[in-house]
Amino acid sequence: MVGNEAWNGLFFGRRSPRAGFVGMIAFAVPLLALLAVVAEDPLSLILVGIYFAWVLYDIAWTRALWRLDA
């Protein structure tokens, strides 16, 4: 949750799509580790997988916004 809030600070606080993109990439790293940890539990894997898919969408969206802003 701290990583998610840090992204909000980078993106909205600094008003920087680039910082938001870098923050989302950094947030995805521990989220991938969590995905690996819950791999044994099917329900947790599904739930974290859905959230990870949302984060991937956020990464793509933030990158596109950064490119438009440049």
PDB file of N, CA and C in Angstrom:
ATOM      1  N   MET A   1       0.817  -1.178   0.000  1.00  0.00           N
ATOM      2  CA  MET A   1       0.000   0.000   0.000  1.00  0.00           C
ATOM      3  C   MET A   1       0.868   1.251   0.000  1.00  0.00           C
ATOM      4  N   VAL A   2       2.009   1.157   0.641  1.00  0.00           N
ATOM      5  CA  VAL A   2       2.910   2.307   0.665  1.00  0.00           C
ATOM      6  C   VAL A   2       3.405   2.614  -0.755  1.00  0.00           C
ATOM      7  N   GLY A   3       3.725   1.562  -1.499  1.00  0.00           N
ATOM      8  CA  GLY A   3       4.176   1.757  -2.875  1.00  0.00           C
ATOM      9  C   GLY A   3       3.109   2.386  -3.745  1.00  0.00           C
ATOM     10  N   ASN A   4       1.884   1.977  -3.535  1.00  0.00           N
ATOM     11  CA  ASN A   4       0.783   2.545  -4.300  1.00  0.00           C
ATOM     12  C   ASN A   4       0.606   4.024  -3.969  1.00  0.00           C
ATOM     13  N   GLU A   5       0.692   4.369  -2.721  1.00  0.00           N
ATOM     14  CA  GLU A   5       0.589   5.771  -2.322  1.00  0.00           C
ATOM     15  C   GLU A   5       1.791   6.587  -2.805  1.00  0.00           C
ATOM     16  N   ALA A   6       2.958   5.966  -2.837  1.00  0.00           N
ATOM     17  CA  ALA A   6       4.141   6.664  -3.344  1.00  0.00           C
ATOM     18  C   ALA A   6       3.947   7.033  -4.811  1.00  0.00           C
ATOM     19  N   TRP A   7       3.313   6.135  -5.573  1.00  0.00           N
ATOM     20  CA  TRP A   7       3.036   6.434  -6.974  1.00  0.00           C
ATOM     21  C   TRP A   7       2.136   7.660  -7.076  1.00  0.00           C
ATOM     22  N   ASN A   8       1.117   7.730  -6.240  1.00  0.00           N
ATOM     23  CA  ASN A   8       0.227   8.887  -6.258  1.00  0.00           C
ATOM     24  C   ASN A   8       1.008  10.175  -6.004  1.00  0.00           C
ATOM     25  N   GLY A   9       1.936  10.122  -5.055  1.00  0.00           N
ATOM     26  CA  GLY A   9       2.753  11.295  -4.766  1.00  0.00           C
ATOM     27  C   GLY A   9       3.628  11.686  -5.934  1.00  0.00           C
ATOM     28  N   LEU A  10       4.203  10.695  -6.606  1.00  0.00           N
ATOM     29  CA  LEU A  10       5.064  10.981  -7.750  1.00  0.00           C
ATOM     30  C   LEU A  10       4.272  11.542  -8.921  1.00  0.00           C
ATOM     31  N   PHE A  11       3.172  10.882  -9.211  1.00  0.00           N
ATOM     32  CA  PHE A  11       2.407  11.258 -10.401  1.00  0.00           C
ATOM     33  C   PHE A  11       1.623  12.545 -10.187  1.00  0.00           C
ATOM     34  N   PHE A  12       0.830  12.593  -9.128  1.00  0.00           N
ATOM     35  CA  PHE A  12      -0.034  13.746  -8.910  1.00  0.00           C
ATOM     36  C   PHE A  12       0.684  14.872  -8.159  1.00  0.00           C
ATOM     37  N   GLY A  13       1.477  14.516  -7.170  1.00  0.00           N
ATOM     38  CA  GLY A  13       2.172  15.530  -6.384  1.00  0.00           C
ATOM     39  C   GLY A  13       3.202  16.282  -7.200  1.00  0.00           C
ATOM     40  N   ARG A  14       3.990  15.556  -7.939  1.00  0.00           N
ATOM     41  CA  ARG A  14       5.013  16.200  -8.769  1.00  0.00           C
ATOM     42  C   ARG A  14       4.470  16.609 -10.133  1.00  0.00           C
ATOM     43  N   ARG A  15       3.266  16.129 -10.453  1.00  0.00           N
ATOM     44  CA  ARG A  15       2.647  16.382 -11.766  1.00  0.00           C
ATOM     45  C   ARG A  15       3.572  15.955 -12.890  1.00  0.00           C
ATOM     46  N   SER A  16       4.119  14.741 -12.713  1.00  0.00           N
ATOM     47  CA  SER A  16       5.105  14.244 -13.659  1.00  0.00           C
ATOM     48  C   SER A  16       4.737  12.841 -14.132  1.00  0.00           C
ATOM     49  N   PRO A  17       4.309  12.698 -15.398  1.00  0.00           N
ATOM     50  CA  PRO A  17       4.037  11.361 -15.924  1.00  0.00           C
ATOM     51  C   PRO A  17       5.285  10.477 -15.933  1.00  0.00           C
ATOM     52  N   ARG A  18       6.443  11.102 -16.152  1.00  0.00           N
ATOM     53  CA  ARG A  18       7.688  10.327 -16.152  1.00  0.00           C
ATOM     54  C   ARG A  18       7.948   9.725 -14.772  1.00  0.00           C
ATOM     55  N   ALA A  19       7.823  10.534 -13.726  1.00  0.00           N
ATOM     56  CA  ALA A  19       8.025  10.037 -12.366  1.00  0.00           C
ATOM     57  C   ALA A  19       6.984   8.977 -12.020  1.00  0.00           C
ATOM     58  N   GLY A  20       5.747   9.175 -12.478  1.00  0.00           N
ATOM     59  CA  GLY A  20       4.715   8.171 -12.250  1.00  0.00           C
ATOM     60  C   GLY A  20       5.040   6.861 -12.936  1.00  0.00           C
ATOM     61  N   PHE A  21       5.564   6.927 -14.157  1.00  0.00           N
ATOM     62  CA  PHE A  21       5.951   5.713 -14.882  1.00  0.00           C
ATOM     63  C   PHE A  21       7.072   4.979 -14.160  1.00  0.00           C
ATOM     64  N   VAL A  22       8.088   5.701 -13.756  1.00  0.00           N
ATOM     65  CA  VAL A  22       9.206   5.076 -13.038  1.00  0.00           C
ATOM     66  C   VAL A  22       8.721   4.487 -11.709  1.00  0.00           C
ATOM     67  N   GLY A  23       7.828   5.206 -11.035  1.00  0.00           N
ATOM     68  CA  GLY A  23       7.274   4.700  -9.787  1.00  0.00           C
ATOM     69  C   GLY A  23       6.467   3.437  -9.977  1.00  0.00           C
ATOM     70  N   MET A  24       5.715   3.354 -11.072  1.00  0.00           N
ATOM     71  CA  MET A  24       4.932   2.142 -11.338  1.00  0.00           C
ATOM     72  C   MET A  24       5.838   0.951 -11.644  1.00  0.00           C
ATOM     73  N   ILE A  25       6.917   1.193 -12.351  1.00  0.00           N
ATOM     74  CA  ILE A  25       7.871   0.111 -12.625  1.00  0.00           C
ATOM     75  C   ILE A  25       8.473  -0.379 -11.310  1.00  0.00           C
ATOM     76  N   ALA A  26       8.844   0.556 -10.453  1.00  0.00           N
ATOM     77  CA  ALA A  26       9.405   0.179  -9.149  1.00  0.00           C
ATOM     78  C   ALA A  26       8.370  -0.553  -8.306  1.00  0.00           C
ATOM     79  N   PHE A  27       7.110  -0.163  -8.375  1.00  0.00           N
ATOM     80  CA  PHE A  27       6.042  -0.819  -7.625  1.00  0.00           C
ATOM     81  C   PHE A  27       5.787  -2.232  -8.134  1.00  0.00           C
ATOM     82  N   ALA A  28       5.997  -2.465  -9.433  1.00  0.00           N
ATOM     83  CA  ALA A  28       5.749  -3.781 -10.016  1.00  0.00           C
ATOM     84  C   ALA A  28       6.732  -4.834  -9.520  1.00  0.00           C
ATOM     85  N   VAL A  29       7.919  -4.423  -9.128  1.00  0.00           N
ATOM     86  CA  VAL A  29       8.936  -5.390  -8.680  1.00  0.00           C
ATOM     87  C   VAL A  29       8.491  -6.151  -7.422  1.00  0.00           C
ATOM     88  N   PRO A  30       8.137  -5.473  -6.315  1.00  0.00           N
ATOM     89  CA  PRO A  30       7.666  -6.236  -5.161  1.00  0.00           C
ATOM     90  C   PRO A  30       6.326  -6.930  -5.419  1.00  0.00           C
ATOM     91  N   LEU A  31       5.530  -6.372  -6.315  1.00  0.00           N
ATOM     92  CA  LEU A  31       4.266  -7.023  -6.649  1.00  0.00           C
ATOM     93  C   LEU A  31       4.517  -8.348  -7.364  1.00  0.00           C
ATOM     94  N   LEU A  32       5.535  -8.401  -8.204  1.00  0.00           N
ATOM     95  CA  LEU A  32       5.922  -9.677  -8.828  1.00  0.00           C
ATOM     96  C   LEU A  32       6.385 -10.681  -7.783  1.00  0.00           C
ATOM     97  N   ALA A  33       7.110 -10.213  -6.780  1.00  0.00           N
ATOM     98  CA  ALA A  33       7.542 -11.093  -5.697  1.00  0.00           C
ATOM     99  C   ALA A  33       6.331 -11.623  -4.932  1.00  0.00           C
ATOM    100  N   LEU A  34       5.349 -10.778  -4.684  1.00  0.00           N
ATOM    101  CA  LEU A  34       4.126 -11.226  -4.017  1.00  0.00           C
ATOM    102  C   LEU A  34       3.398 -12.249  -4.863  1.00  0.00           C
ATOM    103  N   LEU A  35       3.358 -12.045  -6.155  1.00  0.00           N
ATOM    104  CA  LEU A  35       2.730 -12.998  -7.059  1.00  0.00           C
ATOM    105  C   LEU A  35       3.408 -14.360  -6.974  1.00  0.00           C
ATOM    106  N   ALA A  36       4.725 -14.373  -6.867  1.00  0.00           N
ATOM    107  CA  ALA A  36       5.459 -15.630  -6.734  1.00  0.00           C
ATOM    108  C   ALA A  36       5.171 -16.305  -5.395  1.00  0.00           C
ATOM    109  N   VAL A  37       5.017 -15.516  -4.342  1.00  0.00           N
ATOM    110  CA  VAL A  37       4.762 -16.073  -3.009  1.00  0.00           C
ATOM    111  C   VAL A  37       3.388 -16.727  -2.936  1.00  0.00           C
ATOM    112  N   VAL A  38       2.394 -16.123  -3.576  1.00  0.00           N
ATOM    113  CA  VAL A  38       1.036 -16.661  -3.483  1.00  0.00           C
ATOM    114  C   VAL A  38       0.733 -17.703  -4.548  1.00  0.00           C
ATOM    115  N   ALA A  39       1.731 -18.121  -5.294  1.00  0.00           N
ATOM    116  CA  ALA A  39       1.512 -19.057  -6.396  1.00  0.00           C
ATOM    117  C   ALA A  39       0.909 -20.390  -5.941  1.00  0.00           C
ATOM    118  N   GLU A  40       1.099 -20.759  -4.704  1.00  0.00           N
ATOM    119  CA  GLU A  40       0.575 -22.028  -4.199  1.00  0.00           C
ATOM    120  C   GLU A  40      -0.910 -21.967  -3.847  1.00  0.00           C
ATOM    121  N   ASP A  41      -1.416 -20.780  -3.598  1.00  0.00           N
ATOM    122  CA  ASP A  41      -2.820 -20.617  -3.202  1.00  0.00           C
ATOM    123  C   ASP A  41      -3.627 -20.097  -4.397  1.00  0.00           C
ATOM    124  N   PRO A  42      -4.517 -20.921  -4.957  1.00  0.00           N
ATOM    125  CA  PRO A  42      -5.223 -20.527  -6.183  1.00  0.00           C
ATOM    126  C   PRO A  42      -6.033 -19.231  -6.058  1.00  0.00           C
ATOM    127  N   LEU A  43      -6.759 -19.056  -4.966  1.00  0.00           N
ATOM    128  CA  LEU A  43      -7.570 -17.848  -4.817  1.00  0.00           C
ATOM    129  C   LEU A  43      -6.685 -16.607  -4.720  1.00  0.00           C
ATOM    130  N   SER A  44      -5.641 -16.684  -3.916  1.00  0.00           N
ATOM    131  CA  SER A  44      -4.724 -15.545  -3.792  1.00  0.00           C
ATOM    132  C   SER A  44      -4.047 -15.246  -5.116  1.00  0.00           C
ATOM    133  N   LEU A  45      -3.684 -16.287  -5.835  1.00  0.00           N
ATOM    134  CA  LEU A  45      -3.042 -16.100  -7.132  1.00  0.00           C
ATOM    135  C   LEU A  45      -3.975 -15.374  -8.097  1.00  0.00           C
ATOM    136  N   ILE A  46      -5.237 -15.743  -8.098  1.00  0.00           N
ATOM    137  CA  ILE A  46      -6.204 -15.077  -8.971  1.00  0.00           C
ATOM    138  C   ILE A  46      -6.362 -13.610  -8.578  1.00  0.00           C
ATOM    139  N   LEU A  47      -6.536 -13.365  -7.292  1.00  0.00           N
ATOM    140  CA  LEU A  47      -6.758 -11.991  -6.832  1.00  0.00           C
ATOM    141  C   LEU A  47      -5.545 -11.097  -7.066  1.00  0.00           C
ATOM    142  N   VAL A  48      -4.374 -11.592  -6.720  1.00  0.00           N
ATOM    143  CA  VAL A  48      -3.158 -10.797  -6.938  1.00  0.00           C
ATOM    144  C   VAL A  48      -2.886 -10.671  -8.439  1.00  0.00           C
ATOM    145  N   GLY A  49      -3.207 -11.712  -9.194  1.00  0.00           N
ATOM    146  CA  GLY A  49      -3.036 -11.662 -10.650  1.00  0.00           C
ATOM    147  C   GLY A  49      -3.903 -10.598 -11.293  1.00  0.00           C
ATOM    148  N   ILE A  50      -5.143 -10.475 -10.816  1.00  0.00           N
ATOM    149  CA  ILE A  50      -6.026  -9.428 -11.326  1.00  0.00           C
ATOM    150  C   ILE A  50      -5.448  -8.048 -11.005  1.00  0.00           C
ATOM    151  N   TYR A  51      -4.971  -7.894  -9.790  1.00  0.00           N
ATOM    152  CA  TYR A  51      -4.378  -6.618  -9.409  1.00  0.00           C
ATOM    153  C   TYR A  51      -3.115  -6.334 -10.237  1.00  0.00           C
ATOM    154  N   PHE A  52      -2.316  -7.369 -10.476  1.00  0.00           N
ATOM    155  CA  PHE A  52      -1.113  -7.192 -11.277  1.00  0.00           C
ATOM    156  C   PHE A  52      -1.474  -6.779 -12.707  1.00  0.00           C
ATOM    157  N   ALA A  53      -2.547  -7.352 -13.245  1.00  0.00           N
ATOM    158  CA  ALA A  53      -2.999  -6.953 -14.581  1.00  0.00           C
ATOM    159  C   ALA A  53      -3.383  -5.478 -14.595  1.00  0.00           C
ATOM    160  N   TRP A  54      -4.028  -5.020 -13.528  1.00  0.00           N
ATOM    161  CA  TRP A  54      -4.381  -3.601 -13.422  1.00  0.00           C
ATOM    162  C   TRP A  54      -3.114  -2.734 -13.377  1.00  0.00           C
ATOM    163  N   VAL A  55      -2.122  -3.184 -12.650  1.00  0.00           N
ATOM    164  CA  VAL A  55      -0.863  -2.433 -12.565  1.00  0.00           C
ATOM    165  C   VAL A  55      -0.196  -2.379 -13.939  1.00  0.00           C
ATOM    166  N   LEU A  56      -0.235  -3.469 -14.691  1.00  0.00           N
ATOM    167  CA  LEU A  56       0.328  -3.444 -16.046  1.00  0.00           C
ATOM    168  C   LEU A  56      -0.412  -2.434 -16.927  1.00  0.00           C
ATOM    169  N   TYR A  57      -1.724  -2.383 -16.779  1.00  0.00           N
ATOM    170  CA  TYR A  57      -2.508  -1.381 -17.510  1.00  0.00           C
ATOM    171  C   TYR A  57      -2.072   0.022 -17.095  1.00  0.00           C
ATOM    172  N   ASP A  58      -1.891   0.227 -15.795  1.00  0.00           N
ATOM    173  CA  ASP A  58      -1.442   1.533 -15.297  1.00  0.00           C
ATOM    174  C   ASP A  58      -0.077   1.906 -15.870  1.00  0.00           C
ATOM    175  N   ILE A  59       0.804   0.932 -15.961  1.00  0.00           N
ATOM    176  CA  ILE A  59       2.138   1.191 -16.523  1.00  0.00           C
ATOM    177  C   ILE A  59       2.007   1.635 -17.975  1.00  0.00           C
ATOM    178  N   ALA A  60       1.201   0.923 -18.746  1.00  0.00           N
ATOM    179  CA  ALA A  60       1.016   1.278 -20.157  1.00  0.00           C
ATOM    180  C   ALA A  60       0.369   2.657 -20.291  1.00  0.00           C
ATOM    181  N   TRP A  61      -0.635   2.931 -19.454  1.00  0.00           N
ATOM    182  CA  TRP A  61      -1.326   4.217 -19.502  1.00  0.00           C
ATOM    183  C   TRP A  61      -0.383   5.366 -19.132  1.00  0.00           C
ATOM    184  N   THR A  62       0.395   5.168 -18.079  1.00  0.00           N
ATOM    185  CA  THR A  62       1.313   6.213 -17.631  1.00  0.00           C
ATOM    186  C   THR A  62       2.395   6.461 -18.675  1.00  0.00           C
ATOM    187  N   ARG A  63       2.873   5.402 -19.310  1.00  0.00           N
ATOM    188  CA  ARG A  63       3.889   5.565 -20.367  1.00  0.00           C
ATOM    189  C   ARG A  63       3.314   6.355 -21.542  1.00  0.00           C
ATOM    190  N   ALA A  64       2.083   6.016 -21.935  1.00  0.00           N
ATOM    191  CA  ALA A  64       1.454   6.743 -23.038  1.00  0.00           C
ATOM    192  C   ALA A  64       1.260   8.219 -22.681  1.00  0.00           C
ATOM    193  N   LEU A  65       0.864   8.474 -21.452  1.00  0.00           N
ATOM    194  CA  LEU A  65       0.684   9.851 -21.014  1.00  0.00           C
ATOM    195  C   LEU A  65       2.022  10.591 -21.008  1.00  0.00           C
ATOM    196  N   TRP A  66       3.069   9.915 -20.563  1.00  0.00           N
ATOM    197  CA  TRP A  66       4.401  10.516 -20.559  1.00  0.00           C
ATOM    198  C   TRP A  66       4.824  10.875 -21.980  1.00  0.00           C
ATOM    199  N   ARG A  67       4.572   9.958 -22.924  1.00  0.00           N
ATOM    200  CA  ARG A  67       4.958  10.215 -24.317  1.00  0.00           C
ATOM    201  C   ARG A  67       4.177  11.387 -24.902  1.00  0.00           C
ATOM    202  N   LEU A  68       2.895  11.503 -24.537  1.00  0.00           N
ATOM    203  CA  LEU A  68       2.104  12.626 -25.023  1.00  0.00           C
ATOM    204  C   LEU A  68       2.564  13.949 -24.429  1.00  0.00           C
ATOM    205  N   ASP A  69       3.067  13.886 -23.192  1.00  0.00           N
ATOM    206  CA  ASP A  69       3.501  15.087 -22.485  1.00  0.00           C
ATOM    207  C   ASP A  69       4.849  15.587 -22.986  1.00  0.00           C
ATOM    208  N   ALA A  70       5.620  14.717 -23.596  1.00  0.00           N
ATOM    209  CA  ALA A  70       6.989  15.069 -24.010  1.00  0.00           C
ATOM    210  C   ALA A  70       7.035  15.996 -25.197  1.00  0.00           C
TER     211      ALA A  70
END
